[in-house]
């Protein structure tokens, strides 16, 4: 058997194994949890950076107020 044929068969076996894995409920539930966790992380980061932005705007406003006084 040539190397090309061996690689093709290994690829075919990997594809069949992956297709079988993708159809399991455990895999789907795991993917759902990962996606939900990523979305929660995105929301938390957005909220955190919004708080930082508001704090920076408050500090700037205070400095501007002191400079104009």
Protein backbone atom coordinates (compact mmCIF):
# COMPACT_ATOMS: atom_id res chain seq x y z
CA UNK A 1 0.00 0.00 0.00
CA UNK A 2 1.35 3.43 -0.86
CA UNK A 3 1.60 6.29 1.60
CA UNK A 4 -1.13 8.19 -0.23
CA UNK A 5 -3.57 5.30 0.16
CA UNK A 6 -2.70 4.90 3.84
CA UNK A 7 -3.27 8.60 4.47
CA UNK A 8 -6.56 8.47 2.60
CA UNK A 9 -7.77 5.53 4.70
CA UNK A 10 -6.71 7.25 7.93
CA UNK A 11 -8.56 10.38 6.82
CA UNK A 12 -11.64 8.36 5.94
CA UNK A 13 -11.55 6.61 9.32
CA UNK A 14 -11.15 9.94 11.11
CA UNK A 15 -14.08 11.39 9.15
CA UNK A 16 -16.34 8.47 10.00
CA UNK A 17 -15.36 8.67 13.68
CA UNK A 18 -15.97 12.43 13.73
CA UNK A 19 -19.37 12.03 12.07
CA UNK A 20 -20.35 9.45 14.68
CA UNK A 21 -19.15 11.72 17.49
CA UNK A 22 -21.03 14.76 16.17
CA UNK A 23 -24.32 12.86 16.31
CA UNK A 24 -24.12 12.00 20.00
CA UNK A 25 -26.24 13.89 22.51
CA UNK A 26 -23.26 14.26 24.84
CA UNK A 27 -21.28 16.09 22.16
CA UNK A 28 -24.21 18.37 21.33
CA UNK A 29 -24.83 19.19 24.99
CA UNK A 30 -21.12 19.88 25.44
CA UNK A 31 -21.08 22.22 22.47
CA UNK A 32 -24.16 24.01 23.80
CA UNK A 33 -22.49 24.52 27.17
CA UNK A 34 -19.32 25.86 25.55
CA UNK A 35 -21.29 28.28 23.38
CA UNK A 36 -23.44 29.42 26.30
CA UNK A 37 -20.31 29.96 28.40
CA UNK A 38 -18.71 31.98 25.62
CA UNK A 39 -21.78 34.16 25.26
CA UNK A 40 -21.91 34.73 29.02
CA UNK A 41 -18.22 35.64 29.04
CA UNK A 42 -18.82 38.13 26.20
CA UNK A 43 -21.70 39.73 28.11
CA UNK A 44 -19.67 39.93 31.31
CA UNK A 45 -16.71 41.49 29.49
CA UNK A 46 -18.97 44.02 27.77
CA UNK A 47 -20.51 45.00 31.11
CA UNK A 48 -17.07 45.27 32.75
CA UNK A 49 -15.66 47.50 30.02
CA UNK A 50 -18.77 49.67 30.09
CA UNK A 51 -18.20 50.21 33.81
CA UNK A 52 -14.57 51.15 33.15
CA UNK A 53 -15.66 53.57 30.43
CA UNK A 54 -18.19 55.23 32.75
CA UNK A 55 -15.58 55.55 35.50
CA UNK A 56 -13.10 57.12 33.08
CA UNK A 57 -15.75 59.58 31.87
CA UNK A 58 -16.53 60.52 35.49
CA UNK A 59 -12.84 61.11 36.25
CA UNK A 60 -12.48 63.26 33.14
CA UNK A 61 -15.58 65.29 34.03
CA UNK A 62 -14.22 65.88 37.53
CA UNK A 63 -10.87 67.01 36.13
CA UNK A 64 -12.57 69.33 33.65
CA UNK A 65 -14.73 70.75 36.46
CA UNK A 66 -11.67 71.43 38.61
CA UNK A 67 -9.81 73.00 35.69
CA UNK A 68 -12.68 75.38 34.91
CA UNK A 69 -13.12 76.43 38.58
